[in-house]
Amino acid sequence: MSFKNNFMRGLLFVIPIAVTIWSCNLIIGLVDQWLGQTMTWAVSAFLPPQVEQMPGFQATLSVISLLLLCMVLLGLGKIASYRMGKEGMSLVDHLFIHIPGVNAIYRSTQKMVEAFGDGGAGSFKRCVYLRFPSTHYTLGFVTKEAREAETGRKLLIVFVPTGPNPTGGFTQIVAEQDTIASDISPEEGLKIVISMGVLAGGTMPRLS
């Protein structure tokens, strides 16, 4: 039992580190593909050829490309805060929306970014418990409230995310009376989903 516990502790310690390193390598690799050739051309044009032969040149180039991308994103964010920048973003938005085939991908990605861009909590009104997919309860995020046309019954549009990636999930339309109110904030709910329940509290409301 001691061997098993120690192994699991070691595994749980290593997994976050491994995932972080893998994610960083993936991001640096993508940035290097996008900006690496441009940076290599710039080095060849303005610096002596011996520079490319120096040890660690490619690694340094990848880091510089990543920093350059961060600076570009910061610059775009700053420009977007001004009126001219907002008009430019609206123009780009209008362009992509009117391209057949591309508009569906663009709108879907845009909606996802809007939903999760500020930590995801801004688009969610509150958290509730509901039966999904069958008899067991799960945590859902209320995105909108509506009324049933004939009866006036209050309906909730609830997004049920899949952990640990909350950007995927299922959208359910349920009667409010079929849900159980939760005192969990949307921010806390997202933490629970991303951590696969590890960060859930020690007490739960009665769900029956």
Protein backbone atom coordinates (compact mmCIF):
# COMPACT_ATOMS: atom_id res chain seq x y z
CA MET A 1 0.00 0.00 0.00
CA SER A 2 2.87 2.36 0.86
CA PHE A 3 4.48 1.71 -2.55
CA LYS A 4 1.19 2.43 -4.33
CA ASN A 5 0.58 5.66 -2.40
CA ASN A 6 4.10 6.92 -2.99
CA PHE A 7 3.84 6.09 -6.68
CA MET A 8 0.53 7.98 -7.01
CA ARG A 9 1.92 11.00 -5.13
CA GLY A 10 4.92 11.08 -7.44
CA LEU A 11 2.71 10.70 -10.50
CA LEU A 12 0.37 13.50 -9.41
CA PHE A 13 3.40 15.68 -8.75
CA VAL A 14 4.95 15.04 -12.16
CA ILE A 15 1.80 15.28 -14.32
CA PRO A 16 1.22 19.07 -13.90
CA ILE A 17 4.91 19.74 -14.60
CA ALA A 18 4.91 17.49 -17.67
CA VAL A 19 1.71 19.05 -19.04
CA THR A 20 3.08 22.55 -18.47
CA ILE A 21 6.37 21.76 -20.24
CA TRP A 22 4.50 20.05 -23.10
CA SER A 23 2.16 23.04 -23.49
CA CYS A 24 5.06 25.48 -23.52
CA ASN A 25 6.91 23.41 -26.12
CA LEU A 26 3.76 23.26 -28.25
CA ILE A 27 3.23 27.02 -28.07
CA ILE A 28 6.87 27.80 -28.80
CA GLY A 29 6.80 25.35 -31.71
CA LEU A 30 3.72 26.99 -33.22
CA VAL A 31 5.16 30.47 -32.79
CA ASP A 32 8.43 29.30 -34.30
CA GLN A 33 6.53 28.02 -37.35
CA TRP A 34 4.73 31.32 -37.76
CA LEU A 35 7.60 33.73 -37.09
CA GLY A 36 10.70 31.54 -37.28
CA GLN A 37 11.33 32.03 -41.01
CA THR A 38 10.82 35.78 -40.72
CA MET A 39 13.23 35.99 -37.80
CA THR A 40 15.79 33.83 -39.63
CA TRP A 41 15.54 36.12 -42.67
CA ALA A 42 15.99 39.19 -40.45
CA VAL A 43 19.07 37.67 -38.79
CA SER A 44 20.56 36.73 -42.17
CA ALA A 45 19.92 40.19 -43.54
CA PHE A 46 21.25 42.29 -40.67
CA LEU A 47 23.71 40.09 -38.76
CA PRO A 48 26.92 38.25 -39.76
CA PRO A 49 26.53 34.63 -40.95
CA GLN A 50 28.55 33.43 -37.96
CA VAL A 51 25.63 34.26 -35.67
CA GLU A 52 23.55 31.40 -37.11
CA GLN A 53 26.32 28.95 -36.26
CA MET A 54 26.40 29.90 -32.60
CA PRO A 55 25.27 27.24 -30.07
CA GLY A 56 21.65 27.66 -28.99
CA PHE A 57 20.82 29.94 -31.92
CA GLN A 58 17.55 28.17 -32.79
CA ALA A 59 16.39 28.06 -29.17
CA THR A 60 17.14 31.76 -28.75
CA LEU A 61 15.32 32.50 -31.98
CA SER A 62 12.23 30.61 -30.75
CA VAL A 63 12.18 32.55 -27.49
CA ILE A 64 12.58 35.85 -29.33
CA SER A 65 9.73 34.87 -31.67
CA LEU A 66 7.51 34.14 -28.66
CA LEU A 67 8.37 37.49 -27.06
CA LEU A 68 7.72 39.23 -30.36
CA LEU A 69 4.30 37.59 -30.62
CA CYS A 70 3.47 38.70 -27.07
CA MET A 71 4.46 42.26 -27.97
CA VAL A 72 2.29 42.13 -31.09
CA LEU A 73 -0.70 40.87 -29.08
CA LEU A 74 -0.18 43.57 -26.44
CA GLY A 75 0.01 46.16 -29.22
CA LEU A 76 -3.18 44.89 -30.83
CA GLY A 77 -4.94 44.95 -27.47
CA LYS A 78 -3.83 48.53 -26.90
CA ILE A 79 -4.91 49.60 -30.39
CA ALA A 80 -8.28 47.88 -29.91
CA SER A 81 -8.98 50.11 -26.91
CA TYR A 82 -9.06 53.18 -29.17
CA ARG A 83 -11.91 54.16 -31.49
CA MET A 84 -9.90 53.60 -34.65
CA GLY A 85 -8.87 50.17 -33.43
CA LYS A 86 -12.46 49.21 -32.65
CA GLU A 87 -13.52 50.29 -36.14
CA GLY A 88 -10.71 48.20 -37.63
CA MET A 89 -11.79 45.16 -35.59
CA SER A 90 -15.38 45.65 -36.76
CA LEU A 91 -14.16 45.74 -40.35
CA VAL A 92 -12.21 42.49 -39.93
CA ASP A 93 -15.20 40.94 -38.18
CA HIS A 94 -17.48 41.99 -41.03
CA LEU A 95 -15.04 40.55 -43.58
CA PHE A 96 -14.81 37.09 -41.98
CA ILE A 97 -18.56 36.86 -41.35
CA HIS A 98 -19.28 37.32 -45.06
CA ILE A 99 -16.84 34.67 -46.31
CA PRO A 100 -18.82 31.49 -47.15
CA GLY A 101 -17.59 28.46 -45.25
CA VAL A 102 -15.25 30.49 -43.08
CA ASN A 103 -18.03 32.41 -41.31
CA ALA A 104 -19.31 29.33 -39.45
CA ILE A 105 -15.87 28.54 -38.02
CA TYR A 106 -15.21 32.20 -37.24
CA ARG A 107 -18.53 32.73 -35.44
CA SER A 108 -18.19 29.53 -33.41
CA THR A 109 -14.67 30.45 -32.32
CA GLN A 110 -15.75 34.01 -31.59
CA LYS A 111 -18.62 32.85 -29.37
CA MET A 112 -16.30 30.50 -27.49
CA VAL A 113 -13.77 33.30 -26.92
CA GLU A 114 -16.53 35.62 -25.71
CA ALA A 115 -17.76 32.97 -23.30
CA PHE A 116 -14.37 32.06 -21.84
CA GLY A 117 -12.23 35.08 -22.59
CA ASP A 118 -12.66 36.65 -19.14
CA GLY A 119 -12.31 33.43 -17.21
CA GLY A 120 -15.67 32.21 -18.44
CA ALA A 121 -17.55 33.56 -15.44
CA GLY A 122 -18.81 36.70 -17.15
CA SER A 123 -21.12 34.78 -19.47
CA PHE A 124 -22.63 32.60 -16.76
CA LYS A 125 -25.38 33.86 -14.46
CA ARG A 126 -25.14 31.18 -11.80
CA CYS A 127 -24.53 27.49 -11.19
CA VAL A 128 -27.24 24.89 -10.71
CA TYR A 129 -27.45 21.13 -10.28
CA LEU A 130 -29.44 19.14 -12.83
CA ARG A 131 -29.88 15.52 -13.79
CA PHE A 132 -27.60 14.81 -16.74
CA PRO A 133 -27.37 12.66 -18.74
CA SER A 134 -29.83 10.44 -16.86
CA THR A 135 -30.39 10.02 -13.14
CA HIS A 136 -27.21 11.44 -11.63
CA TYR A 137 -26.77 15.11 -10.85
CA THR A 138 -24.13 17.26 -12.45
CA LEU A 139 -23.04 20.89 -12.22
CA GLY A 140 -24.30 23.23 -14.93
CA PHE A 141 -23.91 26.93 -15.75
CA VAL A 142 -27.00 29.02 -16.45
CA THR A 143 -26.39 31.14 -19.54
CA LYS A 144 -29.91 32.46 -20.08
CA GLU A 145 -33.43 32.42 -18.68
CA ALA A 146 -36.57 32.13 -20.81
CA ARG A 147 -40.31 31.52 -20.59
CA GLU A 148 -42.30 28.70 -22.14
CA ALA A 149 -44.72 30.24 -24.63
CA GLU A 150 -47.93 28.41 -23.69
CA THR A 151 -47.53 27.90 -19.96
CA GLY A 152 -45.25 30.77 -18.94
CA ARG A 153 -43.10 28.27 -17.10
CA LYS A 154 -39.59 29.50 -16.41
CA LEU A 155 -36.91 27.70 -18.40
CA LEU A 156 -33.17 27.74 -17.98
CA ILE A 157 -30.60 27.35 -20.72
CA VAL A 158 -27.82 25.47 -18.98
CA PHE A 159 -24.36 24.71 -20.29
CA VAL A 160 -22.89 21.47 -18.95
CA PRO A 161 -19.13 21.51 -19.62
CA THR A 162 -16.90 18.47 -19.91
CA GLY A 163 -13.82 18.47 -17.69
CA PRO A 164 -11.02 19.23 -17.66
CA ASN A 165 -11.62 21.30 -20.83
CA PRO A 166 -14.65 23.54 -20.13
CA THR A 167 -14.88 24.83 -23.71
CA GLY A 168 -16.67 21.64 -24.76
CA GLY A 169 -19.94 20.40 -23.41
CA PHE A 170 -23.69 20.20 -23.85
CA THR A 171 -26.42 22.85 -23.88
CA GLN A 172 -29.60 21.80 -22.08
CA ILE A 173 -33.00 23.52 -21.87
CA VAL A 174 -34.62 22.54 -18.59
CA ALA A 175 -37.42 23.82 -16.38
CA GLU A 176 -36.13 25.74 -13.39
CA GLN A 177 -38.16 23.49 -11.10
CA ASP A 178 -36.10 20.53 -12.35
CA THR A 179 -32.86 22.09 -11.15
CA ILE A 180 -31.41 22.63 -7.70
CA ALA A 181 -29.93 26.01 -6.81
CA SER A 182 -26.25 26.10 -5.93
CA ASP A 183 -24.30 28.56 -3.80
CA ILE A 184 -21.24 27.95 -5.98
CA SER A 185 -20.16 30.99 -7.99
CA PRO A 186 -19.39 30.61 -11.72
CA GLU A 187 -15.69 31.17 -10.94
CA GLU A 188 -15.68 28.37 -8.38
CA GLY A 189 -17.69 26.16 -10.71
CA LEU A 190 -15.11 26.51 -13.48
CA LYS A 191 -12.34 25.62 -11.03
CA ILE A 192 -14.25 22.47 -10.06
CA VAL A 193 -14.72 21.46 -13.71
CA ILE A 194 -11.10 22.13 -14.69
CA SER A 195 -9.78 20.27 -11.63
CA MET A 196 -12.18 17.36 -12.35
CA GLY A 197 -13.77 17.82 -8.94
CA VAL A 198 -10.57 17.96 -6.90
CA LEU A 199 -11.29 21.55 -5.80
CA ALA A 200 -14.91 20.85 -4.86
CA GLY A 201 -15.98 21.74 -1.33
CA GLY A 202 -16.30 19.24 1.46
CA THR A 203 -20.09 19.63 1.76
CA MET A 204 -22.80 19.39 -0.88
CA PRO A 205 -26.50 20.33 -0.77
CA ARG A 206 -29.15 17.65 -0.58
CA LEU A 207 -29.78 16.47 -4.14
CA SER A 208 -32.88 14.37 -3.66
